[in-house]
Protein backbone atom coordinates (compact mmCIF):
# COMPACT_ATOMS: atom_id res chain seq x y z
CA UNK A 1 37.85 47.47 54.81
CA UNK A 2 34.83 45.16 54.31
CA UNK A 3 33.67 45.27 50.40
CA UNK A 4 29.98 46.13 50.20
CA UNK A 5 27.41 43.53 49.15
CA UNK A 6 26.25 43.96 45.59
CA UNK A 7 22.82 44.98 46.33
CA UNK A 8 24.34 47.70 48.71
CA UNK A 9 26.60 48.98 46.03
CA UNK A 10 23.94 49.70 43.45
CA UNK A 11 22.08 53.02 42.92
CA UNK A 12 18.48 53.22 44.51
CA UNK A 13 15.58 53.90 41.84
CA UNK A 14 12.70 55.69 42.88
CA UNK A 15 9.37 54.69 42.84
CA UNK A 16 8.74 56.29 39.58
CA UNK A 17 11.39 54.72 37.94
CA UNK A 18 10.65 51.57 38.95
CA UNK A 19 7.24 51.84 37.70
CA UNK A 20 8.63 52.92 33.97
CA UNK A 21 11.16 49.79 34.13
CA UNK A 22 8.21 47.41 35.06
CA UNK A 23 6.01 48.96 32.35
CA UNK A 24 8.86 48.62 29.84
CA UNK A 25 9.60 45.13 30.90
CA UNK A 26 6.10 44.01 30.55
CA UNK A 27 5.91 45.59 26.91
CA UNK A 28 8.94 43.67 25.98
CA UNK A 29 7.60 40.59 27.65
CA UNK A 30 4.57 40.80 25.74
CA UNK A 31 6.16 41.25 22.29
CA UNK A 32 8.23 38.17 22.98
CA UNK A 33 5.54 35.97 23.63
CA UNK A 34 3.94 37.37 20.30
CA UNK A 35 7.07 36.53 18.61
CA UNK A 36 7.63 33.16 19.99
CA UNK A 37 5.69 31.20 17.46
CA UNK A 38 7.34 32.85 14.43
CA UNK A 39 10.82 32.54 16.26
CA UNK A 40 10.16 28.96 16.82
CA UNK A 41 9.44 28.64 13.35
CA UNK A 42 5.71 27.54 13.48
CA UNK A 43 3.92 28.24 10.17
CA UNK A 44 0.39 28.09 9.01
CA UNK A 45 -1.19 26.89 5.84
CA UNK A 46 -2.70 28.71 2.82
CA UNK A 47 -5.10 26.90 0.40
CA UNK A 48 -2.75 26.83 -2.95
CA UNK A 49 -5.66 25.36 -5.09
CA UNK A 50 -8.56 23.33 -5.43
CA UNK A 51 -9.45 21.07 -8.26
CA UNK A 52 -12.55 19.60 -9.04
CA UNK A 53 -13.80 16.79 -11.51
CA UNK A 54 -17.32 16.40 -12.55
CA UNK A 55 -17.66 12.82 -14.47
CA UNK A 56 -19.57 12.92 -18.23
CA UNK A 57 -22.63 11.61 -16.42
CA UNK A 58 -23.13 14.74 -14.25
CA UNK A 59 -23.60 12.44 -11.28
CA UNK A 60 -22.00 11.17 -8.19
CA UNK A 61 -18.16 11.06 -8.34
CA UNK A 62 -16.28 9.84 -5.46
CA UNK A 63 -12.23 10.02 -5.08
CA UNK A 64 -11.17 7.07 -2.81
CA UNK A 65 -7.08 7.05 -3.29
CA UNK A 66 -4.60 9.47 -4.04
CA UNK A 67 -0.51 9.56 -4.41
CA UNK A 68 1.86 12.42 -5.41
CA UNK A 69 5.36 11.75 -7.26
CA UNK A 70 8.44 13.08 -6.80
CA UNK A 71 7.91 16.22 -9.50
CA UNK A 72 4.81 17.04 -7.41
CA UNK A 73 2.20 15.70 -9.80
CA UNK A 74 -0.80 14.64 -7.95
CA UNK A 75 -2.81 11.62 -8.86
CA UNK A 76 -6.28 10.60 -7.60
CA UNK A 77 -8.93 7.80 -8.67
CA UNK A 78 -12.08 6.45 -7.51
CA UNK A 79 -15.68 6.10 -9.16
CA UNK A 80 -17.39 8.35 -11.26
CA UNK A 81 -20.79 8.17 -12.92
CA UNK A 82 -20.40 7.57 -16.68
CA UNK A 83 -22.56 8.55 -19.56
CA UNK A 84 -24.38 5.46 -20.27
CA UNK A 85 -22.00 3.33 -18.69
CA UNK A 86 -22.96 3.19 -14.94
CA UNK A 87 -19.67 4.11 -12.51
CA UNK A 88 -16.60 3.74 -14.13
CA UNK A 89 -12.94 4.10 -12.79
CA UNK A 90 -11.78 7.65 -13.07
CA UNK A 91 -7.95 8.18 -12.69
CA UNK A 92 -6.84 12.33 -12.84
CA UNK A 93 -3.29 13.32 -12.98
CA UNK A 94 -2.65 17.31 -12.06
CA UNK A 95 0.32 19.20 -12.19
CA UNK A 96 1.88 20.61 -8.88
CA UNK A 97 -0.31 23.66 -9.62
CA UNK A 98 -3.36 21.90 -9.79
CA UNK A 99 -3.73 22.03 -13.53
CA UNK A 100 -5.24 18.89 -15.04
CA UNK A 101 -2.98 17.17 -17.22
CA UNK A 102 -5.05 14.08 -18.30
CA UNK A 103 -8.35 11.67 -17.22
CA UNK A 104 -8.76 8.19 -18.07
CA UNK A 105 -11.96 6.33 -17.59
CA UNK A 106 -12.34 2.60 -17.39
CA UNK A 107 -15.41 0.94 -18.17
CA UNK A 108 -15.57 -3.06 -17.42
CA UNK A 109 -16.79 -5.62 -19.90
CA UNK A 110 -20.03 -5.86 -17.91
CA UNK A 111 -20.81 -2.21 -18.38
CA UNK A 112 -21.85 -2.03 -14.60
CA UNK A 113 -20.21 -0.74 -11.45
CA UNK A 114 -16.59 -0.06 -11.76
CA UNK A 115 -15.03 1.17 -8.33
CA UNK A 116 -11.44 2.05 -7.97
CA UNK A 117 -10.19 1.68 -4.44
CA UNK A 118 -6.50 2.13 -4.51
CA UNK A 119 -3.64 3.72 -6.42
CA UNK A 120 0.33 3.87 -6.63
CA UNK A 121 2.98 5.51 -8.99
CA UNK A 122 6.49 4.31 -9.30
CA UNK A 123 9.55 6.00 -9.94
CA UNK A 124 8.99 6.51 -13.96
CA UNK A 125 5.64 7.70 -13.38
CA UNK A 126 3.83 4.79 -14.11
CA UNK A 127 0.54 4.89 -12.53
CA UNK A 128 -1.24 1.80 -11.30
CA UNK A 129 -5.03 1.33 -10.38
CA UNK A 130 -7.01 -1.27 -8.78
CA UNK A 131 -10.55 -2.18 -7.41
CA UNK A 132 -13.74 -3.91 -8.32
CA UNK A 133 -15.14 -3.95 -11.79
CA UNK A 134 -18.31 -6.02 -13.18
CA UNK A 135 -17.34 -8.55 -15.78
CA UNK A 136 -19.30 -10.21 -18.20
CA UNK A 137 -21.06 -13.03 -16.56
CA UNK A 138 -18.31 -13.03 -13.63
CA UNK A 139 -19.89 -11.07 -11.17
CA UNK A 140 -17.34 -8.08 -9.73
CA UNK A 141 -13.70 -8.65 -10.61
CA UNK A 142 -10.67 -7.47 -9.16
CA UNK A 143 -9.37 -5.24 -12.20
CA UNK A 144 -5.81 -3.75 -12.36
CA UNK A 145 -4.78 -1.00 -14.74
CA UNK A 146 -1.22 0.33 -15.60
CA UNK A 147 -0.94 3.61 -17.36
CA UNK A 148 2.44 5.29 -18.39
CA UNK A 149 2.98 8.81 -17.36
CA UNK A 150 1.23 10.19 -20.37
CA UNK A 151 -1.69 8.14 -19.33
CA UNK A 152 -1.55 5.83 -22.09
CA UNK A 153 -3.09 2.41 -20.94
CA UNK A 154 -0.24 -0.30 -21.03
CA UNK A 155 -2.48 -3.31 -19.78
CA UNK A 156 -5.37 -4.15 -17.68
CA UNK A 157 -5.68 -7.37 -15.87
CA UNK A 158 -8.62 -8.76 -14.17
CA UNK A 159 -9.00 -11.63 -11.71
CA UNK A 160 -12.10 -14.06 -11.12
CA UNK A 161 -12.43 -15.86 -8.40
CA UNK A 162 -13.17 -19.41 -8.21
CA UNK A 163 -16.49 -18.82 -6.41
CA UNK A 164 -17.37 -16.66 -9.41
CA UNK A 165 -18.76 -14.12 -7.11
CA UNK A 166 -18.10 -10.47 -5.69
CA UNK A 167 -14.36 -9.89 -5.67
CA UNK A 168 -12.86 -6.58 -4.81
CA UNK A 169 -9.02 -5.48 -4.79
CA UNK A 170 -8.49 -2.87 -1.95
CA UNK A 171 -4.90 -2.35 -1.63
CA UNK A 172 -1.87 -1.96 -4.09
CA UNK A 173 1.89 -1.93 -3.85
CA UNK A 174 4.60 -1.76 -6.65
CA UNK A 175 8.35 -2.91 -5.87
CA UNK A 176 11.43 -1.17 -7.38
CA UNK A 177 11.39 -3.85 -10.30
CA UNK A 178 7.86 -2.77 -11.00
CA UNK A 179 6.21 -5.89 -9.72
CA UNK A 180 2.73 -4.98 -8.61
CA UNK A 181 0.85 -6.79 -6.15
CA UNK A 182 -2.72 -6.33 -5.07
CA UNK A 183 -5.14 -7.77 -2.42
CA UNK A 184 -8.63 -7.44 -1.29
CA UNK A 185 -11.56 -9.57 -0.61
CA UNK A 186 -12.91 -12.45 -3.00
CA UNK A 187 -15.38 -15.13 -3.24
CA UNK A 188 -13.99 -18.57 -2.48
CA UNK A 189 -15.75 -21.75 -3.59
CA UNK A 190 -17.14 -23.04 -0.43
CA UNK A 191 -15.13 -20.85 1.92
CA UNK A 192 -17.14 -17.40 2.14
CA UNK A 193 -15.07 -14.48 1.14
CA UNK A 194 -11.22 -14.68 1.41
CA UNK A 195 -8.29 -12.63 1.09
CA UNK A 196 -6.65 -13.05 -2.49
CA UNK A 197 -3.13 -11.79 -2.86
CA UNK A 198 -1.74 -11.45 -6.57
CA UNK A 199 1.51 -10.45 -7.84
CA UNK A 200 1.88 -9.30 -11.54
CA UNK A 201 5.39 -8.88 -13.35
CA UNK A 202 6.11 -5.28 -15.08
CA UNK A 203 4.21 -6.67 -18.19
CA UNK A 204 1.13 -7.54 -16.42
CA UNK A 205 1.93 -11.28 -16.37
CA UNK A 206 0.20 -12.86 -13.42
CA UNK A 207 3.25 -14.57 -11.24
CA UNK A 208 1.23 -15.92 -8.63
CA UNK A 209 -2.16 -16.07 -6.40
CA UNK A 210 -2.45 -16.68 -2.65
CA UNK A 211 -5.77 -17.07 -1.07
CA UNK A 212 -6.53 -17.09 2.79
CA UNK A 213 -9.55 -18.73 4.41
CA UNK A 214 -9.62 -18.01 8.30
CA UNK A 215 -10.44 -20.47 10.75
CA UNK A 216 -14.40 -19.24 10.74
CA UNK A 217 -14.52 -20.23 7.29
CA UNK A 218 -16.53 -17.14 6.58
CA UNK A 219 -15.66 -13.33 5.79
CA UNK A 220 -11.95 -12.60 5.42
CA UNK A 221 -11.44 -9.01 3.92
CA UNK A 222 -7.56 -7.97 3.35
CA UNK A 223 -7.23 -4.28 3.57
CA UNK A 224 -3.54 -3.14 3.50
CA UNK A 225 -0.46 -4.62 1.82
CA UNK A 226 3.46 -3.59 1.90
CA UNK A 227 6.41 -5.32 0.03
CA UNK A 228 9.88 -4.77 1.71
CA UNK A 229 13.49 -4.74 -0.42
CA UNK A 230 13.68 -8.40 -0.03
CA UNK A 231 10.43 -9.03 -2.07
CA UNK A 232 8.50 -10.50 1.21
CA UNK A 233 4.94 -9.53 0.74
CA UNK A 234 2.66 -8.58 3.90
CA UNK A 235 -1.01 -8.43 3.89
CA UNK A 236 -3.45 -7.75 6.69
CA UNK A 237 -7.11 -7.16 7.50
CA UNK A 238 -9.92 -8.90 9.20
CA UNK A 239 -10.87 -12.31 9.57
CA UNK A 240 -13.76 -14.09 11.41
CA UNK A 241 -12.25 -16.81 13.62
CA UNK A 242 -13.47 -19.69 15.05
CA UNK A 243 -15.71 -18.44 18.07
CA UNK A 244 -13.74 -15.25 18.10
CA UNK A 245 -15.61 -12.77 15.89
CA UNK A 246 -13.43 -10.71 13.65
CA UNK A 247 -10.05 -10.67 14.07
CA UNK A 248 -6.82 -9.01 12.74
CA UNK A 249 -5.12 -11.35 10.56
CA UNK A 250 -1.59 -10.82 9.24
CA UNK A 251 0.17 -12.74 6.82
CA UNK A 252 3.79 -12.85 5.26
CA UNK A 253 4.72 -14.27 2.00
CA UNK A 254 8.48 -15.04 1.18
CA UNK A 255 9.65 -15.36 -2.41
CA UNK A 256 10.19 -18.61 -4.03
CA UNK A 257 12.90 -19.54 -4.36
CA UNK A 258 14.18 -17.47 -1.46
CA UNK A 259 17.39 -14.96 -1.12
CA UNK A 260 19.46 -18.36 -0.63
CA UNK A 261 17.97 -20.74 -2.70
CA UNK A 262 18.33 -24.34 -1.46
CA UNK A 263 18.81 -23.32 2.27
CA UNK A 264 15.63 -25.13 3.76
CA UNK A 265 16.75 -24.61 7.67
CA UNK A 266 17.92 -21.17 7.14
CA UNK A 267 21.77 -21.31 8.24
CA UNK A 268 23.12 -19.49 5.21
CA UNK A 269 24.56 -22.77 3.82
CA UNK A 270 23.22 -25.17 1.67
CA UNK A 271 24.27 -28.60 2.72
CA UNK A 272 23.44 -31.92 4.14
CA UNK A 273 20.66 -31.07 6.53
CA UNK A 274 18.52 -29.19 3.69
CA UNK A 275 19.27 -32.30 1.49
CA UNK A 276 17.72 -34.49 3.98
CA UNK A 277 14.76 -32.41 4.81
CA UNK A 278 13.75 -32.42 1.15
CA UNK A 279 14.33 -35.96 0.78
CA UNK A 280 12.21 -36.89 4.14
CA UNK A 281 9.48 -34.49 2.86
CA UNK A 282 9.48 -35.90 -0.68
CA UNK A 283 6.07 -36.19 -2.22
CA UNK A 284 4.16 -34.26 0.61
CA UNK A 285 2.07 -31.26 -0.53
CA UNK A 286 1.03 -28.00 1.51
CA UNK A 287 2.72 -24.84 2.35
CA UNK A 288 6.10 -26.30 3.42
CA UNK A 289 9.47 -24.63 3.46
CA UNK A 290 10.91 -27.68 1.55
CA UNK A 291 8.50 -26.83 -1.30
CA UNK A 292 11.58 -24.69 -2.60
CA UNK A 293 9.76 -23.42 -5.95
CA UNK A 294 6.45 -23.11 -4.12
CA UNK A 295 4.54 -25.47 -6.78
CA UNK A 296 2.73 -27.02 -3.89
CA UNK A 297 4.37 -30.46 -3.71
CA UNK A 298 7.96 -31.60 -2.77
CA UNK A 299 9.19 -33.27 -5.72
CA UNK A 300 12.66 -33.58 -8.26
CA UNK A 301 12.62 -29.67 -8.72
CA UNK A 302 12.77 -28.98 -5.16
CA UNK A 303 15.71 -31.75 -4.96
CA UNK A 304 17.55 -30.13 -8.07
CA UNK A 305 17.37 -26.63 -6.21
CA UNK A 306 19.37 -28.14 -3.38
CA UNK A 307 21.73 -30.21 -5.53
CA UNK A 308 22.52 -27.30 -7.96
CA UNK A 309 23.15 -24.95 -4.99
CA UNK A 310 25.07 -27.74 -2.61
CA UNK A 311 27.87 -26.10 -0.68
CA UNK A 312 26.92 -22.52 -1.56
CA UNK A 313 26.94 -20.31 1.26
CA UNK A 314 24.65 -17.12 1.26
């Protein structure tokens, strides 16, 4: 005997039964559609807190930068109208619940406009702030400040450009050793406004300054900075070219000596080729790979770096 097909072996529902099941199915469909966002893990947000800060001058206060540490503490900085001090840096620390823990203000030596533009926090809770601050007879200078976790001021470092004009630090980064890097825009001497990038150690000692004047010899403004684990520093912004208007200009700086001291050609071995390169470039100046200690000239010091590391692999 032939087996009945599945459809033929099923009971036949009447019209009323079919409508009831259809309506029931539609109800379940609507319920599932409503639950899908929850089932998919979608979440909304709610306002946990709002914290406001009004400066002592009861005037204009602008926050420009923010960071959060591993404990959920929140740090903001910017500029804030003072009481007889014009605009000052104002840096505020809040706990994870929005309670104000401390406020630190900075009024530069010129008692003029002091505008903070960038902020960072390290793993120890130290806070770093930088921006532009009017000096005493120096125009606007970079002003970089380090605070400890309790808001105690550890150091302030200022940088006045060779053009003794308007300087504004616009970006900041901190590496795992506590070295601090700032960059921005700085008045040059006959070069218009240039990138100026500075490295400080953890104690605020200035280690180096590097300036960049684009081919248009005009406006060069660095806006962002990053540091990798090898200590290479990356800076970018805009720079007027030669007949090209404003261009991206991105720069990489490498540490001196590098991770393999004496290895001029990058083959991971300090050998004859490195020695010959230093000897042939001896006495030259400029930004050359043979200038192993980055003092601007290939000299005895660079030769000694090669000789001291000769035969060493990296």
